Amino acid sequence: MNIVYFSSGLTTIPPEIYEAAKIDGAQSLALFRYITLPLIKPIIIFVVTISIIGGYQVFVEPYILYPGGRTPGEAGLTVAVYLYRTAFRNFNMGYAAAIGVTLAGIIFAVSLVQFQFSGFFKK
């Protein structure tokens, strides 16, 4: 899916910008660094944010690949699988809700840090 995001972002760059830069003598690396990267920066921010959030929410793969999500030595235990086990195997709904809220807070904090580093909040 990320390929679709990037390819659609690259097609939105007007070819006239590249032509003008080539007329001014820009080489391939300069075209990429000064034209392509700045113009697809919002797509890069979106893809990285969605990928980080998806990484924290991995549930299906360990749960399907191993019976009930029980991996050897608990190596594939993710936060989402731990939340599921706490809620529906141990029937400890309050603790599972606390895990969910903490997971949401971690995702929010990581997203804010990433937006800050990418210059999203600058005017």
PDB file of N, CA and C in Angstrom:
ATOM      1  N   MET A   1       0.814  -1.194   0.000  1.00  0.00           N
ATOM      2  CA  MET A   1       0.000   0.000   0.000  1.00  0.00           C
ATOM      3  C   MET A   1       0.858   1.258   0.000  1.00  0.00           C
ATOM      4  N   ASN A   2       2.014   1.178   0.644  1.00  0.00           N
ATOM      5  CA  ASN A   2       2.898   2.341   0.676  1.00  0.00           C
ATOM      6  C   ASN A   2       3.386   2.714  -0.719  1.00  0.00           C
ATOM      7  N   ILE A   3       3.561   1.711  -1.579  1.00  0.00           N
ATOM      8  CA  ILE A   3       3.964   1.988  -2.956  1.00  0.00           C
ATOM      9  C   ILE A   3       2.904   2.808  -3.658  1.00  0.00           C
ATOM     10  N   VAL A   4       1.645   2.510  -3.402  1.00  0.00           N
ATOM     11  CA  VAL A   4       0.556   3.273  -4.012  1.00  0.00           C
ATOM     12  C   VAL A   4       0.590   4.715  -3.531  1.00  0.00           C
ATOM     13  N   TYR A   5       0.827   4.913  -2.241  1.00  0.00           N
ATOM     14  CA  TYR A   5       0.906   6.272  -1.707  1.00  0.00           C
ATOM     15  C   TYR A   5       2.042   7.056  -2.369  1.00  0.00           C
ATOM     16  N   PHE A   6       3.223   6.438  -2.431  1.00  0.00           N
ATOM     17  CA  PHE A   6       4.369   7.140  -2.995  1.00  0.00           C
ATOM     18  C   PHE A   6       4.212   7.377  -4.499  1.00  0.00           C
ATOM     19  N   SER A   7       3.698   6.393  -5.219  1.00  0.00           N
ATOM     20  CA  SER A   7       3.549   6.593  -6.663  1.00  0.00           C
ATOM     21  C   SER A   7       2.503   7.667  -6.969  1.00  0.00           C
ATOM     22  N   SER A   8       1.438   7.726  -6.187  1.00  0.00           N
ATOM     23  CA  SER A   8       0.454   8.792  -6.409  1.00  0.00           C
ATOM     24  C   SER A   8       1.033  10.149  -6.028  1.00  0.00           C
ATOM     25  N   GLY A   9       1.876  10.206  -5.007  1.00  0.00           N
ATOM     26  CA  GLY A   9       2.527  11.455  -4.638  1.00  0.00           C
ATOM     27  C   GLY A   9       3.511  11.915  -5.700  1.00  0.00           C
ATOM     28  N   LEU A  10       4.223  10.975  -6.303  1.00  0.00           N
ATOM     29  CA  LEU A  10       5.179  11.340  -7.346  1.00  0.00           C
ATOM     30  C   LEU A  10       4.490  11.820  -8.620  1.00  0.00           C
ATOM     31  N   THR A  11       3.310  11.298  -8.910  1.00  0.00           N
ATOM     32  CA  THR A  11       2.611  11.740 -10.120  1.00  0.00           C
ATOM     33  C   THR A  11       2.015  13.135  -9.966  1.00  0.00           C
ATOM     34  N   THR A  12       1.904  13.618  -8.733  1.00  0.00           N
ATOM     35  CA  THR A  12       1.361  14.965  -8.540  1.00  0.00           C
ATOM     36  C   THR A  12       2.406  16.062  -8.741  1.00  0.00           C
ATOM     37  N   ILE A  13       3.674  15.673  -8.852  1.00  0.00           N
ATOM     38  CA  ILE A  13       4.733  16.666  -9.066  1.00  0.00           C
ATOM     39  C   ILE A  13       4.694  17.087 -10.535  1.00  0.00           C
ATOM     40  N   PRO A  14       4.546  18.367 -10.810  1.00  0.00           N
ATOM     41  CA  PRO A  14       4.481  18.828 -12.198  1.00  0.00           C
ATOM     42  C   PRO A  14       5.821  18.630 -12.916  1.00  0.00           C
ATOM     43  N   PRO A  15       5.798  18.101 -14.130  1.00  0.00           N
ATOM     44  CA  PRO A  15       7.054  17.876 -14.865  1.00  0.00           C
ATOM     45  C   PRO A  15       7.751  19.180 -15.250  1.00  0.00           C
ATOM     46  N   GLU A  16       7.025  20.290 -15.266  1.00  0.00           N
ATOM     47  CA  GLU A  16       7.639  21.570 -15.624  1.00  0.00           C
ATOM     48  C   GLU A  16       8.723  21.977 -14.627  1.00  0.00           C
ATOM     49  N   ILE A  17       8.547  21.577 -13.368  1.00  0.00           N
ATOM     50  CA  ILE A  17       9.546  21.909 -12.351  1.00  0.00           C
ATOM     51  C   ILE A  17      10.866  21.207 -12.665  1.00  0.00           C
ATOM     52  N   TYR A  18      10.778  19.928 -13.059  1.00  0.00           N
ATOM     53  CA  TYR A  18      11.986  19.189 -13.415  1.00  0.00           C
ATOM     54  C   TYR A  18      12.640  19.778 -14.663  1.00  0.00           C
ATOM     55  N   GLU A  19      11.827  20.144 -15.642  1.00  0.00           N
ATOM     56  CA  GLU A  19      12.358  20.722 -16.873  1.00  0.00           C
ATOM     57  C   GLU A  19      13.087  22.033 -16.590  1.00  0.00           C
ATOM     58  N   ALA A  20      12.493  22.885 -15.759  1.00  0.00           N
ATOM     59  CA  ALA A  20      13.128  24.159 -15.428  1.00  0.00           C
ATOM     60  C   ALA A  20      14.443  23.943 -14.685  1.00  0.00           C
ATOM     61  N   ALA A  21      14.475  22.967 -13.793  1.00  0.00           N
ATOM     62  CA  ALA A  21      15.701  22.688 -13.045  1.00  0.00           C
ATOM     63  C   ALA A  21      16.781  22.121 -13.962  1.00  0.00           C
ATOM     64  N   LYS A  22      16.394  21.282 -14.922  1.00  0.00           N
ATOM     65  CA  LYS A  22      17.375  20.742 -15.866  1.00  0.00           C
ATOM     66  C   LYS A  22      17.938  21.843 -16.754  1.00  0.00           C
ATOM     67  N   ILE A  23      17.096  22.787 -17.155  1.00  0.00           N
ATOM     68  CA  ILE A  23      17.576  23.910 -17.962  1.00  0.00           C
ATOM     69  C   ILE A  23      18.582  24.743 -17.169  1.00  0.00           C
ATOM     70  N   ASP A  24      18.342  24.858 -15.858  1.00  0.00           N
ATOM     71  CA  ASP A  24      19.264  25.606 -15.000  1.00  0.00           C
ATOM     72  C   ASP A  24      20.531  24.816 -14.679  1.00  0.00           C
ATOM     73  N   GLY A  25      20.608  23.577 -15.104  1.00  0.00           N
ATOM     74  CA  GLY A  25      21.825  22.780 -14.931  1.00  0.00           C
ATOM     75  C   GLY A  25      21.816  21.836 -13.755  1.00  0.00           C
ATOM     76  N   ALA A  26      20.669  21.536 -13.178  1.00  0.00           N
ATOM     77  CA  ALA A  26      20.609  20.621 -12.036  1.00  0.00           C
ATOM     78  C   ALA A  26      20.824  19.180 -12.488  1.00  0.00           C
ATOM     79  N   GLN A  27      21.584  18.445 -11.698  1.00  0.00           N
ATOM     80  CA  GLN A  27      21.825  17.038 -11.977  1.00  0.00           C
ATOM     81  C   GLN A  27      20.754  16.175 -11.292  1.00  0.00           C
ATOM     82  N   SER A  28      20.805  14.880 -11.489  1.00  0.00           N
ATOM     83  CA  SER A  28      19.784  13.964 -10.965  1.00  0.00           C
ATOM     84  C   SER A  28      19.685  14.011  -9.443  1.00  0.00           C
ATOM     85  N   LEU A  29      20.831  14.012  -8.777  1.00  0.00           N
ATOM     86  CA  LEU A  29      20.813  14.034  -7.315  1.00  0.00           C
ATOM     87  C   LEU A  29      20.213  15.332  -6.788  1.00  0.00           C
ATOM     88  N   ALA A  30      20.538  16.434  -7.435  1.00  0.00           N
ATOM     89  CA  ALA A  30      19.969  17.720  -7.024  1.00  0.00           C
ATOM     90  C   ALA A  30      18.471  17.761  -7.283  1.00  0.00           C
ATOM     91  N   LEU A  31      18.028  17.168  -8.385  1.00  0.00           N
ATOM     92  CA  LEU A  31      16.588  17.109  -8.666  1.00  0.00           C
ATOM     93  C   LEU A  31      15.855  16.354  -7.561  1.00  0.00           C
ATOM     94  N   PHE A  32      16.449  15.236  -7.168  1.00  0.00           N
ATOM     95  CA  PHE A  32      15.818  14.430  -6.124  1.00  0.00           C
ATOM     96  C   PHE A  32      15.827  15.169  -4.790  1.00  0.00           C
ATOM     97  N   ARG A  33      16.978  15.755  -4.446  1.00  0.00           N
ATOM     98  CA  ARG A  33      17.123  16.373  -3.127  1.00  0.00           C
ATOM     99  C   ARG A  33      16.322  17.659  -2.975  1.00  0.00           C
ATOM    100  N   TYR A  34      16.307  18.491  -3.997  1.00  0.00           N
ATOM    101  CA  TYR A  34      15.703  19.808  -3.866  1.00  0.00           C
ATOM    102  C   TYR A  34      14.294  19.924  -4.445  1.00  0.00           C
ATOM    103  N   ILE A  35      13.875  18.940  -5.224  1.00  0.00           N
ATOM    104  CA  ILE A  35      12.527  19.012  -5.801  1.00  0.00           C
ATOM    105  C   ILE A  35      11.656  17.862  -5.313  1.00  0.00           C
ATOM    106  N   THR A  36      12.119  16.626  -5.536  1.00  0.00           N
ATOM    107  CA  THR A  36      11.277  15.471  -5.232  1.00  0.00           C
ATOM    108  C   THR A  36      11.016  15.323  -3.739  1.00  0.00           C
ATOM    109  N   LEU A  37      12.074  15.303  -2.942  1.00  0.00           N
ATOM    110  CA  LEU A  37      11.899  15.107  -1.500  1.00  0.00           C
ATOM    111  C   LEU A  37      11.031  16.168  -0.835  1.00  0.00           C
ATOM    112  N   PRO A  38      11.263  17.456  -1.083  1.00  0.00           N
ATOM    113  CA  PRO A  38      10.391  18.443  -0.433  1.00  0.00           C
ATOM    114  C   PRO A  38       8.922  18.347  -0.869  1.00  0.00           C
ATOM    115  N   LEU A  39       8.696  17.962  -2.122  1.00  0.00           N
ATOM    116  CA  LEU A  39       7.316  17.916  -2.592  1.00  0.00           C
ATOM    117  C   LEU A  39       6.566  16.668  -2.134  1.00  0.00           C
ATOM    118  N   ILE A  40       7.295  15.604  -1.780  1.00  0.00           N
ATOM    119  CA  ILE A  40       6.600  14.418  -1.271  1.00  0.00           C
ATOM    120  C   ILE A  40       6.756  14.281   0.248  1.00  0.00           C
ATOM    121  N   LYS A  41       7.236  15.321   0.904  1.00  0.00           N
ATOM    122  CA  LYS A  41       7.395  15.284   2.361  1.00  0.00           C
ATOM    123  C   LYS A  41       6.092  14.966   3.098  1.00  0.00           C
ATOM    124  N   PRO A  42       4.942  15.536   2.709  1.00  0.00           N
ATOM    125  CA  PRO A  42       3.699  15.149   3.402  1.00  0.00           C
ATOM    126  C   PRO A  42       3.362  13.670   3.250  1.00  0.00           C
ATOM    127  N   ILE A  43       3.673  13.085   2.108  1.00  0.00           N
ATOM    128  CA  ILE A  43       3.404  11.660   1.902  1.00  0.00           C
ATOM    129  C   ILE A  43       4.341  10.827   2.759  1.00  0.00           C
ATOM    130  N   ILE A  44       5.587  11.245   2.871  1.00  0.00           N
ATOM    131  CA  ILE A  44       6.550  10.532   3.714  1.00  0.00           C
ATOM    132  C   ILE A  44       6.091  10.562   5.167  1.00  0.00           C
ATOM    133  N   ILE A  45       5.656  11.719   5.636  1.00  0.00           N
ATOM    134  CA  ILE A  45       5.171  11.839   7.014  1.00  0.00           C
ATOM    135  C   ILE A  45       3.966  10.922   7.231  1.00  0.00           C
ATOM    136  N   PHE A  46       3.037  10.918   6.286  1.00  0.00           N
ATOM    137  CA  PHE A  46       1.842  10.079   6.404  1.00  0.00           C
ATOM    138  C   PHE A  46       2.208   8.602   6.453  1.00  0.00           C
ATOM    139  N   VAL A  47       3.069   8.157   5.543  1.00  0.00           N
ATOM    140  CA  VAL A  47       3.425   6.739   5.465  1.00  0.00           C
ATOM    141  C   VAL A  47       4.169   6.292   6.725  1.00  0.00           C
ATOM    142  N   VAL A  48       5.093   7.108   7.212  1.00  0.00           N
ATOM    143  CA  VAL A  48       5.836   6.736   8.415  1.00  0.00           C
ATOM    144  C   VAL A  48       4.904   6.681   9.627  1.00  0.00           C
ATOM    145  N   THR A  49       4.000   7.643   9.736  1.00  0.00           N
ATOM    146  CA  THR A  49       3.054   7.647  10.856  1.00  0.00           C
ATOM    147  C   THR A  49       2.150   6.428  10.825  1.00  0.00           C
ATOM    148  N   ILE A  50       1.590   6.129   9.669  1.00  0.00           N
ATOM    149  CA  ILE A  50       0.712   4.964   9.546  1.00  0.00           C
ATOM    150  C   ILE A  50       1.478   3.668   9.818  1.00  0.00           C
ATOM    151  N   SER A  51       2.724   3.593   9.380  1.00  0.00           N
ATOM    152  CA  SER A  51       3.529   2.387   9.616  1.00  0.00           C
ATOM    153  C   SER A  51       3.850   2.201  11.096  1.00  0.00           C
ATOM    154  N   ILE A  52       4.162   3.284  11.789  1.00  0.00           N
ATOM    155  CA  ILE A  52       4.442   3.184  13.226  1.00  0.00           C
ATOM    156  C   ILE A  52       3.197   2.750  13.983  1.00  0.00           C
ATOM    157  N   ILE A  53       2.071   3.353  13.649  1.00  0.00           N
ATOM    158  CA  ILE A  53       0.822   2.975  14.313  1.00  0.00           C
ATOM    159  C   ILE A  53       0.486   1.518  14.020  1.00  0.00           C
ATOM    160  N   GLY A  54       0.669   1.102  12.792  1.00  0.00           N
ATOM    161  CA  GLY A  54       0.411  -0.294  12.429  1.00  0.00           C
ATOM    162  C   GLY A  54       1.331  -1.254  13.152  1.00  0.00           C
ATOM    163  N   GLY A  55       2.568  -0.836  13.387  1.00  0.00           N
ATOM    164  CA  GLY A  55       3.507  -1.685  14.113  1.00  0.00           C
ATOM    165  C   GLY A  55       3.083  -1.924  15.550  1.00  0.00           C
ATOM    166  N   TYR A  56       2.509  -0.915  16.179  1.00  0.00           N
ATOM    167  CA  TYR A  56       2.033  -1.082  17.551  1.00  0.00           C
ATOM    168  C   TYR A  56       0.753  -1.902  17.630  1.00  0.00           C
ATOM    169  N   GLN A  57       0.012  -1.961  16.539  1.00  0.00           N
ATOM    170  CA  GLN A  57      -1.280  -2.636  16.563  1.00  0.00           C
ATOM    171  C   GLN A  57      -1.258  -4.018  15.915  1.00  0.00           C
ATOM    172  N   VAL A  58      -0.089  -4.612  15.778  1.00  0.00           N
ATOM    173  CA  VAL A  58       0.002  -5.935  15.164  1.00  0.00           C
ATOM    174  C   VAL A  58      -0.709  -6.948  16.057  1.00  0.00           C
ATOM    175  N   PHE A  59      -1.711  -7.600  15.497  1.00  0.00           N
ATOM    176  CA  PHE A  59      -2.454  -8.600  16.258  1.00  0.00           C
ATOM    177  C   PHE A  59      -2.651  -9.877  15.451  1.00  0.00           C
ATOM    178  N   VAL A  60      -3.066  -9.744  14.226  1.00  0.00           N
ATOM    179  CA  VAL A  60      -3.515 -10.885  13.442  1.00  0.00           C
ATOM    180  C   VAL A  60      -2.382 -11.870  13.172  1.00  0.00           C
ATOM    181  N   GLU A  61      -1.229 -11.395  12.768  1.00  0.00           N
ATOM    182  CA  GLU A  61      -0.145 -12.282  12.373  1.00  0.00           C
ATOM    183  C   GLU A  61       0.300 -13.226  13.492  1.00  0.00           C
ATOM    184  N   PRO A  62       0.656 -12.722  14.690  1.00  0.00           N
ATOM    185  CA  PRO A  62       1.049 -13.674  15.727  1.00  0.00           C
ATOM    186  C   PRO A  62      -0.104 -14.551  16.202  1.00  0.00           C
ATOM    187  N   TYR A  63      -1.317 -14.019  16.155  1.00  0.00           N
ATOM    188  CA  TYR A  63      -2.454 -14.798  16.643  1.00  0.00           C
ATOM    189  C   TYR A  63      -2.802 -15.928  15.687  1.00  0.00           C
ATOM    190  N   ILE A  64      -2.644 -15.695  14.394  1.00  0.00           N
ATOM    191  CA  ILE A  64      -2.962 -16.731  13.399  1.00  0.00           C
ATOM    192  C   ILE A  64      -1.809 -17.710  13.231  1.00  0.00           C
ATOM    193  N   LEU A  65      -0.571 -17.204  13.188  1.00  0.00           N
ATOM    194  CA  LEU A  65       0.579 -18.071  12.946  1.00  0.00           C
ATOM    195  C   LEU A  65       0.831 -19.041  14.096  1.00  0.00           C
ATOM    196  N   TYR A  66       0.559 -18.616  15.295  1.00  0.00           N
ATOM    197  CA  TYR A  66       0.750 -19.474  16.462  1.00  0.00           C
ATOM    198  C   TYR A  66      -0.599 -19.630  17.148  1.00  0.00           C
ATOM    199  N   PRO A  67      -0.921 -20.819  17.617  1.00  0.00           N
ATOM    200  CA  PRO A  67      -2.237 -21.027  18.241  1.00  0.00           C
ATOM    201  C   PRO A  67      -2.463 -20.102  19.435  1.00  0.00           C
ATOM    202  N   GLY A  68      -3.435 -19.238  19.295  1.00  0.00           N
ATOM    203  CA  GLY A  68      -3.770 -18.322  20.374  1.00  0.00           C
ATOM    204  C   GLY A  68      -2.728 -17.255  20.628  1.00  0.00           C
ATOM    205  N   GLY A  69      -1.790 -17.080  19.695  1.00  0.00           N
ATOM    206  CA  GLY A  69      -0.766 -16.059  19.861  1.00  0.00           C
ATOM    207  C   GLY A  69       0.361 -16.459  20.790  1.00  0.00           C
ATOM    208  N   ARG A  70       0.445 -17.734  21.150  1.00  0.00           N
ATOM    209  CA  ARG A  70       1.500 -18.184  22.056  1.00  0.00           C
ATOM    210  C   ARG A  70       2.730 -18.576  21.234  1.00  0.00           C
ATOM    211  N   THR A  71       3.683 -17.657  21.158  1.00  0.00           N
ATOM    212  CA  THR A  71       4.894 -17.904  20.395  1.00  0.00           C
ATOM    213  C   THR A  71       5.937 -18.557  21.284  1.00  0.00           C
ATOM    214  N   PRO A  72       6.925 -19.219  20.702  1.00  0.00           N
ATOM    215  CA  PRO A  72       7.977 -19.844  21.506  1.00  0.00           C
ATOM    216  C   PRO A  72       8.724 -18.798  22.334  1.00  0.00           C
ATOM    217  N   GLY A  73       8.700 -18.957  23.609  1.00  0.00           N
ATOM    218  CA  GLY A  73       9.366 -18.027  24.505  1.00  0.00           C
ATOM    219  C   GLY A  73       8.720 -16.660  24.515  1.00  0.00           C
ATOM    220  N   GLU A  74       7.495 -16.585  24.067  1.00  0.00           N
ATOM    221  CA  GLU A  74       6.746 -15.320  23.986  1.00  0.00           C
ATOM    222  C   GLU A  74       7.489 -14.275  23.163  1.00  0.00           C
ATOM    223  N   ALA A  75       8.246 -14.731  22.159  1.00  0.00           N
ATOM    224  CA  ALA A  75       9.036 -13.816  21.333  1.00  0.00           C
ATOM    225  C   ALA A  75       8.153 -12.945  20.449  1.00  0.00           C
ATOM    226  N   GLY A  76       6.991 -13.433  20.045  1.00  0.00           N
ATOM    227  CA  GLY A  76       6.118 -12.665  19.167  1.00  0.00           C
ATOM    228  C   GLY A  76       4.977 -11.980  19.894  1.00  0.00           C
ATOM    229  N   LEU A  77       5.113 -11.835  21.206  1.00  0.00           N
ATOM    230  CA  LEU A  77       4.052 -11.197  21.983  1.00  0.00           C
ATOM    231  C   LEU A  77       4.040  -9.699  21.709  1.00  0.00           C
ATOM    232  N   THR A  78       2.930  -9.213  21.187  1.00  0.00           N
ATOM    233  CA  THR A  78       2.789  -7.786  20.933  1.00  0.00           C
ATOM    234  C   THR A  78       1.848  -7.184  21.967  1.00  0.00           C
ATOM    235  N   VAL A  79       1.783  -5.864  21.979  1.00  0.00           N
ATOM    236  CA  VAL A  79       0.923  -5.185  22.946  1.00  0.00           C
ATOM    237  C   VAL A  79      -0.541  -5.544  22.687  1.00  0.00           C
ATOM    238  N   ALA A  80      -0.923  -5.643  21.421  1.00  0.00           N
ATOM    239  CA  ALA A  80      -2.314  -5.965  21.098  1.00  0.00           C
ATOM    240  C   ALA A  80      -2.680  -7.384  21.526  1.00  0.00           C
ATOM    241  N   VAL A  81      -1.777  -8.329  21.323  1.00  0.00           N
ATOM    242  CA  VAL A  81      -2.044  -9.709  21.757  1.00  0.00           C
ATOM    243  C   VAL A  81      -2.084  -9.784  23.283  1.00  0.00           C
ATOM    244  N   TYR A  82      -1.196  -9.060  23.946  1.00  0.00           N
ATOM    245  CA  TYR A  82      -1.205  -9.034  25.410  1.00  0.00           C
ATOM    246  C   TYR A  82      -2.506  -8.444  25.943  1.00  0.00           C
ATOM    247  N   LEU A  83      -2.978  -7.386  25.285  1.00  0.00           N
ATOM    248  CA  LEU A  83      -4.252  -6.779  25.667  1.00  0.00           C
ATOM    249  C   LEU A  83      -5.389  -7.785  25.508  1.00  0.00           C
ATOM    250  N   TYR A  84      -5.388  -8.510  24.392  1.00  0.00           N
ATOM    251  CA  TYR A  84      -6.423  -9.518  24.148  1.00  0.00           C
ATOM    252  C   TYR A  84      -6.386 -10.622  25.199  1.00  0.00           C
ATOM    253  N   ARG A  85      -5.182 -11.114  25.478  1.00  0.00           N
ATOM    254  CA  ARG A  85      -5.060 -12.176  26.487  1.00  0.00           C
ATOM    255  C   ARG A  85      -5.550 -11.706  27.849  1.00  0.00           C
ATOM    256  N   THR A  86      -5.173 -10.494  28.222  1.00  0.00           N
ATOM    257  CA  THR A  86      -5.571  -9.966  29.525  1.00  0.00           C
ATOM    258  C   THR A  86      -7.084  -9.838  29.618  1.00  0.00           C
ATOM    259  N   ALA A  87      -7.695  -9.379  28.547  1.00  0.00           N
ATOM    260  CA  ALA A  87      -9.135  -9.135  28.582  1.00  0.00           C
ATOM    261  C   ALA A  87      -9.946 -10.421  28.487  1.00  0.00           C
ATOM    262  N   PHE A  88      -9.598 -11.295  27.543  1.00  0.00           N
ATOM    263  CA  PHE A  88     -10.492 -12.405  27.225  1.00  0.00           C
ATOM    264  C   PHE A  88     -10.023 -13.770  27.694  1.00  0.00           C
ATOM    265  N   ARG A  89      -8.796 -13.874  28.169  1.00  0.00           N
ATOM    266  CA  ARG A  89      -8.369 -15.136  28.768  1.00  0.00           C
ATOM    267  C   ARG A  89      -8.353 -15.028  30.279  1.00  0.00           C
ATOM    268  N   ASN A  90      -7.855 -13.905  30.769  1.00  0.00           N
ATOM    269  CA  ASN A  90      -7.790 -13.704  32.216  1.00  0.00           C
ATOM    270  C   ASN A  90      -9.019 -12.979  32.753  1.00  0.00           C
ATOM    271  N   PHE A  91      -9.858 -12.494  31.857  1.00  0.00           N
ATOM    272  CA  PHE A  91     -11.079 -11.753  32.207  1.00  0.00           C
ATOM    273  C   PHE A  91     -10.796 -10.594  33.160  1.00  0.00           C
ATOM    274  N   ASN A  92      -9.705  -9.911  32.887  1.00  0.00           N
ATOM    275  CA  ASN A  92      -9.317  -8.748  33.671  1.00  0.00           C
ATOM    276  C   ASN A  92      -9.526  -7.516  32.791  1.00  0.00           C
ATOM    277  N   MET A  93     -10.761  -7.107  32.661  1.00  0.00           N
ATOM    278  CA  MET A  93     -11.129  -6.043  31.725  1.00  0.00           C
ATOM    279  C   MET A  93     -10.572  -4.679  32.119  1.00  0.00           C
ATOM    280  N   GLY A  94     -10.490  -4.387  33.397  1.00  0.00           N
ATOM    281  CA  GLY A  94      -9.976  -3.098  33.834  1.00  0.00           C
ATOM    282  C   GLY A  94      -8.517  -2.919  33.466  1.00  0.00           C
ATOM    283  N   TYR A  95      -7.719  -3.955  33.704  1.00  0.00           N
ATOM    284  CA  TYR A  95      -6.297  -3.896  33.355  1.00  0.00           C
ATOM    285  C   TYR A  95      -6.122  -3.828  31.842  1.00  0.00           C
ATOM    286  N   ALA A  96      -6.948  -4.557  31.107  1.00  0.00           N
ATOM    287  CA  ALA A  96      -6.886  -4.518  29.643  1.00  0.00           C
ATOM    288  C   ALA A  96      -7.254  -3.130  29.123  1.00  0.00           C
ATOM    289  N   ALA A  97      -8.229  -2.492  29.743  1.00  0.00           N
ATOM    290  CA  ALA A  97      -8.586  -1.133  29.341  1.00  0.00           C
ATOM    291  C   ALA A  97      -7.431  -0.173  29.620  1.00  0.00           C
ATOM    292  N   ALA A  98      -6.742  -0.373  30.729  1.00  0.00           N
ATOM    293  CA  ALA A  98      -5.576   0.463  31.037  1.00  0.00           C
ATOM    294  C   ALA A  98      -4.460   0.244  30.010  1.00  0.00           C
ATOM    295  N   ILE A  99      -4.282  -0.993  29.577  1.00  0.00           N
ATOM    296  CA  ILE A  99      -3.292  -1.277  28.536  1.00  0.00           C
ATOM    297  C   ILE A  99      -3.678  -0.572  27.240  1.00  0.00           C
ATOM    298  N   GLY A 100      -4.970  -0.604  26.899  1.00  0.00           N
ATOM    299  CA  GLY A 100      -5.435   0.058  25.686  1.00  0.00           C
ATOM    300  C   GLY A 100      -5.242   1.562  25.720  1.00  0.00           C
ATOM    301  N   VAL A 101      -5.527   2.157  26.840  1.00  0.00           N
ATOM    302  CA  VAL A 101      -5.340   3.608  26.979  1.00  0.00           C
ATOM    303  C   VAL A 101      -3.854   3.952  26.916  1.00  0.00           C
ATOM    304  N   THR A 102      -3.016   3.134  27.543  1.00  0.00           N
ATOM    305  CA  THR A 102      -1.571   3.352  27.477  1.00  0.00           C
ATOM    306  C   THR A 102      -1.061   3.204  26.049  1.00  0.00           C
ATOM    307  N   LEU A 103      -1.562   2.217  25.330  1.00  0.00           N
ATOM    308  CA  LEU A 103      -1.173   2.031  23.935  1.00  0.00           C
ATOM    309  C   LEU A 103      -1.573   3.242  23.094  1.00  0.00           C
ATOM    310  N   ALA A 104      -2.763   3.755  23.319  1.00  0.00           N
ATOM    311  CA  ALA A 104      -3.208   4.954  22.601  1.00  0.00           C
ATOM    312  C   ALA A 104      -2.317   6.147  22.942  1.00  0.00           C
ATOM    313  N   GLY A 105      -1.930   6.278  24.208  1.00  0.00           N
ATOM    314  CA  GLY A 105      -1.042   7.363  24.614  1.00  0.00           C
ATOM    315  C   GLY A 105       0.337   7.247  23.987  1.00  0.00           C
ATOM    316  N   ILE A 106       0.866   6.027  23.904  1.00  0.00           N
ATOM    317  CA  ILE A 106       2.175   5.816  23.275  1.00  0.00           C
ATOM    318  C   ILE A 106       2.117   6.183  21.797  1.00  0.00           C
ATOM    319  N   ILE A 107       1.072   5.748  21.115  1.00  0.00           N
ATOM    320  CA  ILE A 107       0.920   6.071  19.690  1.00  0.00           C
ATOM    321  C   ILE A 107       0.784   7.571  19.496  1.00  0.00           C
ATOM    322  N   PHE A 108       0.025   8.223  20.361  1.00  0.00           N
ATOM    323  CA  PHE A 108      -0.138   9.674  20.276  1.00  0.00           C
ATOM    324  C   PHE A 108       1.190  10.392  20.488  1.00  0.00           C
ATOM    325  N   ALA A 109       1.949   9.958  21.497  1.00  0.00           N
ATOM    326  CA  ALA A 109       3.229  10.598  21.793  1.00  0.00           C
ATOM    327  C   ALA A 109       4.234  10.393  20.665  1.00  0.00           C
ATOM    328  N   VAL A 110       4.305   9.189  20.132  1.00  0.00           N
ATOM    329  CA  VAL A 110       5.227   8.918  19.028  1.00  0.00           C
ATOM    330  C   VAL A 110       4.843   9.738  17.802  1.00  0.00           C
ATOM    331  N   SER A 111       3.562   9.868  17.533  1.00  0.00           N
ATOM    332  CA  SER A 111       3.110  10.664  16.394  1.00  0.00           C
ATOM    333  C   SER A 111       3.450  12.133  16.585  1.00  0.00           C
ATOM    334  N   LEU A 112       3.265  12.658  17.789  1.00  0.00           N
ATOM    335  CA  LEU A 112       3.617  14.056  18.052  1.00  0.00           C
ATOM    336  C   LEU A 112       5.111  14.309  17.890  1.00  0.00           C
ATOM    337  N   VAL A 113       5.930  13.396  18.381  1.00  0.00           N
ATOM    338  CA  VAL A 113       7.374  13.545  18.242  1.00  0.00           C
ATOM    339  C   VAL A 113       7.771  13.519  16.777  1.00  0.00           C
ATOM    340  N   GLN A 114       7.173  12.617  16.029  1.00  0.00           N
ATOM    341  CA  GLN A 114       7.482  12.535  14.602  1.00  0.00           C
ATOM    342  C   GLN A 114       7.038  13.795  13.873  1.00  0.00           C
ATOM    343  N   PHE A 115       5.870  14.311  14.182  1.00  0.00           N
ATOM    344  CA  PHE A 115       5.410  15.550  13.559  1.00  0.00           C
ATOM    345  C   PHE A 115       6.332  16.715  13.920  1.00  0.00           C
ATOM    346  N   GLN A 116       6.807  16.753  15.153  1.00  0.00           N
ATOM    347  CA  GLN A 116       7.707  17.827  15.577  1.00  0.00           C
ATOM    348  C   GLN A 116       9.022  17.773  14.803  1.00  0.00           C
ATOM    349  N   PHE A 117       9.596  16.565  14.667  1.00  0.00           N
ATOM    350  CA  PHE A 117      10.859  16.433  13.942  1.00  0.00           C
ATOM    351  C   PHE A 117      10.717  16.710  12.457  1.00  0.00           C
ATOM    352  N   SER A 118       9.561  16.432  11.900  1.00  0.00           N
ATOM    353  CA  SER A 118       9.362  16.647  10.462  1.00  0.00           C
ATOM    354  C   SER A 118       9.014  18.090  10.140  1.00  0.00           C
ATOM    355  N   GLY A 119       8.794  18.917  11.150  1.00  0.00           N
ATOM    356  CA  GLY A 119       8.468  20.315  10.917  1.00  0.00           C
ATOM    357  C   GLY A 119       7.019  20.534  10.585  1.00  0.00           C
ATOM    358  N   PHE A 120       6.158  19.643  10.993  1.00  0.00           N
ATOM    359  CA  PHE A 120       4.731  19.734  10.678  1.00  0.00           C
ATOM    360  C   PHE A 120       4.072  20.927  11.361  1.00  0.00           C
ATOM    361  N   PHE A 121       4.537  21.285  12.562  1.00  0.00           N
ATOM    362  CA  PHE A 121       3.894  22.343  13.339  1.00  0.00           C
ATOM    363  C   PHE A 121       4.448  23.736  13.023  1.00  0.00           C
ATOM    364  N   LYS A 122       5.452  23.803  12.150  1.00  0.00           N
ATOM    365  CA  LYS A 122       5.993  25.107  11.785  1.00  0.00           C
ATOM    366  C   LYS A 122       5.056  25.804  10.808  1.00  0.00           C
ATOM    367  N   LYS A 123       5.062  27.116  10.853  1.00  0.00           N
ATOM    368  CA  LYS A 123       4.200  27.863   9.921  1.00  0.00           C
ATOM    369  C   LYS A 123       4.957  28.215   8.676  1.00  0.00           C
TER     370      LYS A 123
END
